[in-house]
Amino acid sequence: MSTTTDIPERLNLAELVSRIERQQEETRKFVAEQHKLTAEAAKLSAEASNLRVTRFVTPVAAVVAAIGALTAAAPVIARWLGGGG
């Protein structure tokens, strides 16, 4: 049988359980937010890495294309300069 002194202990226990459940729910929300932010950070990191590669590759590709164009146009340029042909 319960006595009147058990009632405050039960209320405190119920309050404690309720507080723990709220904190667990908060923790789940924080973990979900952390996963979301981690995924976003990974995405941004990949984009930044891709941008760094693009910043390097684009000028190199332009130089290679210019050299190729000059090589292809070499006979024409030589004729203009009076060299061959």
C-alpha atoms as a PDB file:
ATOM      1  CA  MET A   1       0.000   0.000   0.000  1.00  0.00           C
ATOM      2  CA  SER A   2       1.173   3.469  -0.712  1.00  0.00           C
ATOM      3  CA  THR A   3       1.417   6.183   1.812  1.00  0.00           C
ATOM      4  CA  THR A   4       1.106   9.910   1.400  1.00  0.00           C
ATOM      5  CA  THR A   5       4.884  10.237   1.438  1.00  0.00           C
ATOM      6  CA  ASP A   6       5.060   8.151  -1.772  1.00  0.00           C
ATOM      7  CA  ILE A   7       2.997  10.678  -3.775  1.00  0.00           C
ATOM      8  CA  PRO A   8       5.655  13.441  -4.006  1.00  0.00           C
ATOM      9  CA  GLU A   9       8.258  10.839  -4.977  1.00  0.00           C
ATOM     10  CA  ARG A  10       5.994   9.527  -7.749  1.00  0.00           C
ATOM     11  CA  LEU A  11       5.364  13.060  -8.999  1.00  0.00           C
ATOM     12  CA  ASN A  12       9.077  13.786  -8.999  1.00  0.00           C
ATOM     13  CA  LEU A  13       9.720  10.534 -10.846  1.00  0.00           C
ATOM     14  CA  ALA A  14       7.043  11.331 -13.453  1.00  0.00           C
ATOM     15  CA  GLU A  15       8.486  14.806 -13.855  1.00  0.00           C
ATOM     16  CA  LEU A  16      11.968  13.368 -14.227  1.00  0.00           C
ATOM     17  CA  VAL A  17      10.814  10.851 -16.851  1.00  0.00           C
ATOM     18  CA  SER A  18       9.007  13.617 -18.723  1.00  0.00           C
ATOM     19  CA  ARG A  19      12.101  15.831 -18.670  1.00  0.00           C
ATOM     20  CA  ILE A  20      14.290  12.962 -19.916  1.00  0.00           C
ATOM     21  CA  GLU A  21      11.872  12.266 -22.773  1.00  0.00           C
ATOM     22  CA  ARG A  22      11.901  15.964 -23.765  1.00  0.00           C
ATOM     23  CA  GLN A  23      15.689  16.008 -23.683  1.00  0.00           C
ATOM     24  CA  GLN A  24      15.854  12.840 -25.779  1.00  0.00           C
ATOM     25  CA  GLU A  25      13.553  14.424 -28.356  1.00  0.00           C
ATOM     26  CA  GLU A  26      15.726  17.548 -28.383  1.00  0.00           C
ATOM     27  CA  THR A  27      18.792  15.371 -28.855  1.00  0.00           C
ATOM     28  CA  ARG A  28      17.148  13.608 -31.806  1.00  0.00           C
ATOM     29  CA  LYS A  29      16.378  16.994 -33.367  1.00  0.00           C
ATOM     30  CA  PHE A  30      19.957  18.199 -32.853  1.00  0.00           C
ATOM     31  CA  VAL A  31      21.359  14.987 -34.343  1.00  0.00           C
ATOM     32  CA  ALA A  32      19.074  15.325 -37.372  1.00  0.00           C
ATOM     33  CA  GLU A  33      20.165  18.948 -37.802  1.00  0.00           C
ATOM     34  CA  GLN A  34      23.809  17.908 -37.437  1.00  0.00           C
ATOM     35  CA  HIS A  35      23.399  15.280 -40.187  1.00  0.00           C
ATOM     36  CA  LYS A  36      21.747  17.871 -42.415  1.00  0.00           C
ATOM     37  CA  LEU A  37      24.533  20.408 -41.818  1.00  0.00           C
ATOM     38  CA  THR A  38      27.233  17.770 -42.334  1.00  0.00           C
ATOM     39  CA  ALA A  39      25.684  16.791 -45.667  1.00  0.00           C
ATOM     40  CA  GLU A  40      25.486  20.449 -46.697  1.00  0.00           C
ATOM     41  CA  ALA A  41      29.131  20.979 -45.684  1.00  0.00           C
ATOM     42  CA  ALA A  42      30.190  17.957 -47.740  1.00  0.00           C
ATOM     43  CA  LYS A  43      28.253  19.269 -50.725  1.00  0.00           C
ATOM     44  CA  LEU A  44      29.832  22.732 -50.421  1.00  0.00           C
ATOM     45  CA  SER A  45      33.282  21.206 -49.999  1.00  0.00           C
ATOM     46  CA  ALA A  46      32.808  19.154 -53.162  1.00  0.00           C
ATOM     47  CA  GLU A  47      31.650  22.246 -55.049  1.00  0.00           C
ATOM     48  CA  ALA A  48      34.647  24.245 -53.796  1.00  0.00           C
ATOM     49  CA  SER A  49      36.997  21.448 -54.822  1.00  0.00           C
ATOM     50  CA  ASN A  50      35.396  21.307 -58.251  1.00  0.00           C
ATOM     51  CA  LEU A  51      35.712  25.088 -58.551  1.00  0.00           C
ATOM     52  CA  ARG A  52      39.442  24.921 -57.709  1.00  0.00           C
ATOM     53  CA  VAL A  53      39.935  22.286 -60.410  1.00  0.00           C
ATOM     54  CA  THR A  54      37.918  24.360 -62.879  1.00  0.00           C
ATOM     55  CA  ARG A  55      40.007  27.447 -62.115  1.00  0.00           C
ATOM     56  CA  PHE A  56      43.116  25.470 -63.026  1.00  0.00           C
ATOM     57  CA  VAL A  57      41.791  23.467 -65.968  1.00  0.00           C
ATOM     58  CA  THR A  58      40.073  26.318 -67.816  1.00  0.00           C
ATOM     59  CA  PRO A  59      43.190  28.465 -68.351  1.00  0.00           C
ATOM     60  CA  VAL A  60      45.298  25.405 -69.194  1.00  0.00           C
ATOM     61  CA  ALA A  61      42.682  24.306 -71.722  1.00  0.00           C
ATOM     62  CA  ALA A  62      42.686  27.802 -73.232  1.00  0.00           C
ATOM     63  CA  VAL A  63      46.482  27.752 -73.601  1.00  0.00           C
ATOM     64  CA  VAL A  64      46.420  24.270 -75.136  1.00  0.00           C
ATOM     65  CA  ALA A  65      43.680  25.355 -77.550  1.00  0.00           C
ATOM     66  CA  ALA A  66      45.670  28.468 -78.516  1.00  0.00           C
ATOM     67  CA  ILE A  67      48.818  26.405 -79.130  1.00  0.00           C
ATOM     68  CA  GLY A  68      46.789  23.959 -81.206  1.00  0.00           C
ATOM     69  CA  ALA A  69      45.290  26.785 -83.235  1.00  0.00           C
ATOM     70  CA  LEU A  70      48.714  28.328 -83.829  1.00  0.00           C
ATOM     71  CA  THR A  71      50.130  24.969 -84.845  1.00  0.00           C
ATOM     72  CA  ALA A  72      47.298  24.409 -87.293  1.00  0.00           C
ATOM     73  CA  ALA A  73      47.671  27.921 -88.654  1.00  0.00           C
ATOM     74  CA  ALA A  74      51.483  27.756 -88.894  1.00  0.00           C
ATOM     75  CA  PRO A  75      51.577  27.303 -92.692  1.00  0.00           C
ATOM     76  CA  VAL A  76      49.268  30.277 -93.195  1.00  0.00           C
ATOM     77  CA  ILE A  77      51.262  32.425 -90.785  1.00  0.00           C
ATOM     78  CA  ALA A  78      54.493  31.398 -92.536  1.00  0.00           C
ATOM     79  CA  ARG A  79      53.055  32.502 -95.885  1.00  0.00           C
ATOM     80  CA  TRP A  80      52.011  35.832 -94.408  1.00  0.00           C
ATOM     81  CA  LEU A  81      55.471  36.383 -93.051  1.00  0.00           C
ATOM     82  CA  GLY A  82      56.915  35.465 -96.426  1.00  0.00           C
ATOM     83  CA  GLY A  83      58.521  32.258 -95.232  1.00  0.00           C
ATOM     84  CA  GLY A  84      57.205  29.280 -97.065  1.00  0.00           C
ATOM     85  CA  GLY A  85      54.795  27.996 -99.551  1.00  0.00           C
END
